[in-house]
């Protein structure tokens, strides 16, 4: 199955603090494909807005999603892994329209994620925005190619599940 995954883009999704960067980098390494951190696609205005404690709206996210979609298009036939909150189905639709995409949704309770955020330093996303992310989150639907994995698993266990189920 992992050979098949090497030809698609896996979007590691979830709220801030769910482990997207750690799991995404590990999954890309296991697949032997390029990894991209979605935060790198944000315009500085978005980073400044979030850092000041203001949640992004759909208008803010549009250029960010377009940039990630362009990265996905460029990976056609080569595969890749990109982290992205991809909180709403319409955001995932933008990403899905760019190529062969599967989603790995890192899911966890607010308490678990908040504890992780509290222990994280050096990231622009404050814990105060976590509730807005959970409010915006639309879990994967049955018709979306992907799998939902509990964040209490280790990164290695999550990657093993992804390789097996995606």
Protein backbone atom coordinates (compact mmCIF):
# COMPACT_ATOMS: atom_id res chain seq x y z
CA UNK A 1 0.00 0.00 0.00
CA UNK A 2 2.80 2.44 0.79
CA UNK A 3 3.93 2.17 -2.84
CA UNK A 4 0.49 3.50 -3.85
CA UNK A 5 0.84 6.34 -1.34
CA UNK A 6 4.10 7.40 -2.93
CA UNK A 7 2.08 8.59 -5.96
CA UNK A 8 -0.52 10.65 -4.09
CA UNK A 9 -0.36 13.59 -1.73
CA UNK A 10 -1.31 12.86 1.85
CA UNK A 11 -2.69 15.88 3.69
CA UNK A 12 -2.11 15.50 7.42
CA UNK A 13 -4.96 17.52 8.90
CA UNK A 14 -6.29 18.57 12.28
CA UNK A 15 -6.44 21.45 14.68
CA UNK A 16 -3.31 23.24 15.84
CA UNK A 17 -1.35 21.09 18.27
CA UNK A 18 -2.63 17.77 16.94
CA UNK A 19 0.84 16.70 15.76
CA UNK A 20 0.60 17.43 12.03
CA UNK A 21 4.24 18.47 11.64
CA UNK A 22 5.68 15.52 13.57
CA UNK A 23 3.47 12.93 11.90
CA UNK A 24 3.74 14.53 8.45
CA UNK A 25 7.53 14.60 8.47
CA UNK A 26 7.70 10.99 9.71
CA UNK A 27 5.18 9.80 7.11
CA UNK A 28 7.05 11.56 4.29
CA UNK A 29 10.30 9.98 5.45
CA UNK A 30 8.73 6.51 5.51
CA UNK A 31 7.29 7.04 2.01
CA UNK A 32 10.44 8.62 0.62
CA UNK A 33 8.55 11.70 -0.61
CA UNK A 34 8.79 15.45 -0.08
CA UNK A 35 7.21 17.00 3.01
CA UNK A 36 5.79 20.53 3.16
CA UNK A 37 4.74 22.38 6.30
CA UNK A 38 1.50 24.27 5.64
CA UNK A 39 2.49 27.11 7.97
CA UNK A 40 5.18 28.03 5.41
CA UNK A 41 2.44 28.81 2.87
CA UNK A 42 0.77 31.46 5.05
CA UNK A 43 1.25 35.09 4.06
CA UNK A 44 2.85 37.12 6.86
CA UNK A 45 -0.47 38.92 7.43
CA UNK A 46 -2.09 35.61 8.41
CA UNK A 47 0.72 34.75 10.82
CA UNK A 48 0.51 38.21 12.39
CA UNK A 49 -3.27 37.92 12.72
CA UNK A 50 -3.11 34.54 14.44
CA UNK A 51 -0.20 35.60 16.64
CA UNK A 52 -2.32 38.49 17.88
CA UNK A 53 -5.06 36.04 18.88
CA UNK A 54 -7.45 36.69 15.99
CA UNK A 55 -8.74 33.61 14.13
CA UNK A 56 -8.47 33.50 10.36
CA UNK A 57 -11.61 33.71 8.25
CA UNK A 58 -12.31 32.12 4.87
CA UNK A 59 -11.00 35.18 3.03
CA UNK A 60 -7.70 34.96 4.96
CA UNK A 61 -7.36 31.28 4.18
CA UNK A 62 -8.02 31.54 0.42
CA UNK A 63 -4.47 32.48 -0.70
CA UNK A 64 -3.02 29.98 1.76
CA UNK A 65 -5.17 27.16 0.39
CA UNK A 66 -4.34 28.20 -3.19
CA UNK A 67 -0.61 28.01 -2.41
CA UNK A 68 -0.96 24.54 -0.88
CA UNK A 69 -3.06 23.43 -3.87
CA UNK A 70 -0.32 24.64 -6.21
CA UNK A 71 2.22 22.59 -4.26
CA UNK A 72 -0.06 19.55 -4.60
CA UNK A 73 -0.35 20.12 -8.38
CA UNK A 74 3.44 20.26 -8.63
CA UNK A 75 3.71 16.88 -6.86
CA UNK A 76 1.52 15.07 -9.44
CA UNK A 77 2.97 11.64 -10.09
CA UNK A 78 5.64 12.11 -7.43
CA UNK A 79 3.57 12.09 -4.27
CA UNK A 80 4.17 14.08 -1.14
CA UNK A 81 2.96 14.88 2.33
CA UNK A 82 1.73 18.28 3.45
CA UNK A 83 0.35 19.37 6.79
CA UNK A 84 -2.74 21.57 6.74
CA UNK A 85 -5.48 22.13 9.26
CA UNK A 86 -8.00 21.55 6.40
CA UNK A 87 -10.69 22.18 8.98
CA UNK A 88 -13.65 22.55 6.64
CA UNK A 89 -14.82 20.32 3.83
CA UNK A 90 -14.73 23.24 1.39
CA UNK A 91 -11.05 23.74 2.23
CA UNK A 92 -10.40 20.07 1.58
CA UNK A 93 -12.32 20.38 -1.70
CA UNK A 94 -9.80 23.03 -2.84
CA UNK A 95 -6.93 20.69 -2.00
CA UNK A 96 -8.63 17.64 -3.50
CA UNK A 97 -9.23 19.51 -6.78
CA UNK A 98 -5.46 20.00 -7.12
CA UNK A 99 -4.61 16.32 -7.46
CA UNK A 100 -4.82 12.81 -6.05
CA UNK A 101 -5.16 13.54 -2.33
CA UNK A 102 -5.87 11.46 0.74
CA UNK A 103 -6.41 12.84 4.22
CA UNK A 104 -4.95 11.72 7.53
CA UNK A 105 -7.05 13.44 10.19
CA UNK A 106 -5.31 13.65 13.56
CA UNK A 107 -8.20 13.77 15.98
CA UNK A 108 -8.13 14.41 19.71
CA UNK A 109 -10.08 15.91 22.54
CA UNK A 110 -9.83 19.59 23.36
CA UNK A 111 -8.17 18.70 26.67
CA UNK A 112 -5.42 16.62 25.07
CA UNK A 113 -4.72 19.21 22.37
CA UNK A 114 -4.79 22.12 24.85
CA UNK A 115 -2.22 20.35 27.02
CA UNK A 116 0.03 19.92 23.99
CA UNK A 117 -0.32 23.59 23.03
CA UNK A 118 0.45 24.67 26.58
CA UNK A 119 3.74 22.79 26.39
CA UNK A 120 4.71 24.16 22.97
CA UNK A 121 6.94 27.18 22.57
CA UNK A 122 8.04 29.23 19.60
CA UNK A 123 4.86 28.82 17.53
CA UNK A 124 2.72 31.76 16.42
CA UNK A 125 -0.60 30.00 17.07
CA UNK A 126 -1.79 30.76 20.63
CA UNK A 127 -3.86 28.32 22.65
CA UNK A 128 -6.59 30.98 22.79
CA UNK A 129 -7.49 30.16 19.17
CA UNK A 130 -8.02 26.45 19.81
CA UNK A 131 -11.75 26.80 20.46
CA UNK A 132 -12.23 28.59 17.13
CA UNK A 133 -10.47 25.71 15.39
CA UNK A 134 -12.66 23.10 17.05
CA UNK A 135 -15.75 25.17 16.15
CA UNK A 136 -14.67 25.28 12.49
CA UNK A 137 -13.66 21.61 12.29
CA UNK A 138 -15.78 19.46 10.01
CA UNK A 139 -14.58 15.85 10.36
CA UNK A 140 -13.95 13.79 7.26
CA UNK A 141 -17.10 12.53 5.60
CA UNK A 142 -17.53 8.95 4.44
CA UNK A 143 -17.07 10.04 0.82
CA UNK A 144 -13.67 11.67 1.49
CA UNK A 145 -10.60 9.50 0.93
CA UNK A 146 -8.89 9.35 4.27
CA UNK A 147 -8.66 8.01 7.76
CA UNK A 148 -9.19 9.48 11.23
CA UNK A 149 -6.57 8.56 13.84
CA UNK A 150 -6.53 9.34 17.56
CA UNK A 151 -3.68 11.64 18.56
CA UNK A 152 -3.04 9.72 21.77
CA UNK A 153 -1.28 7.10 19.64
CA UNK A 154 2.45 7.59 19.17
CA UNK A 155 3.61 9.22 15.92
CA UNK A 156 5.00 5.84 14.84
CA UNK A 157 1.65 4.14 15.51
CA UNK A 158 -0.21 6.88 13.61
CA UNK A 159 2.11 6.51 10.62
CA UNK A 160 1.70 2.71 10.68
CA UNK A 161 -2.08 3.17 10.65
CA UNK A 162 -1.82 5.63 7.77
CA UNK A 163 0.36 3.28 5.75
CA UNK A 164 -2.05 0.40 6.39
CA UNK A 165 -5.38 2.21 5.92
CA UNK A 166 -4.75 4.91 3.35
